[in-house]
Amino acid sequence: MPTERIVRGGHVNSAVVGLAKQLRREMTPEEKRLWECLRGNRLGGRHFRRMQVIGGYIADFYCHSVGLVVEVDGKWHATQVEYDTERDRVIAEQGIYVLRVTNDEVRQNLPGVIARIAALCRERSGT
């Protein structure tokens, strides 16, 4: 699978690793809600990592087995469209699909968000 080198064997800038660790400690309330549904293989036995470094960027949630990144976007993402577009392009070049959901979606329709993630996991795994 082309994503094999993302988690293992690649050099990662120590500053980015430090930032990822900080972001794990300081997750937004919406990220925390979604993480509770994804952690511990709770979504169909799929293993998700949080604040995973991929291609020099930090992905909110990453499932290696199906090559899926889930991003929880707050209002500030409207001001960084070019950055997010480039980031998504770099991640997609690794064969990884990026699903973006908003804070509002997580707050107002968490079951719907989980259903979308589960459907993408099934689709990408061929099951």
Foldseek 3Di string as FASTA:
>chain_A
DLLVPQQPDDDADVVLVVVLVVCVVVPDPLLVLLCVCADPCNQVNFHKDAQGQGPHHTAGIAGVVLQETEHEDEPCCVVVVVVVVVVQVRSVVSVHHYHYDYSCCSVPPVVVVSVVVSVSSCVSNVD
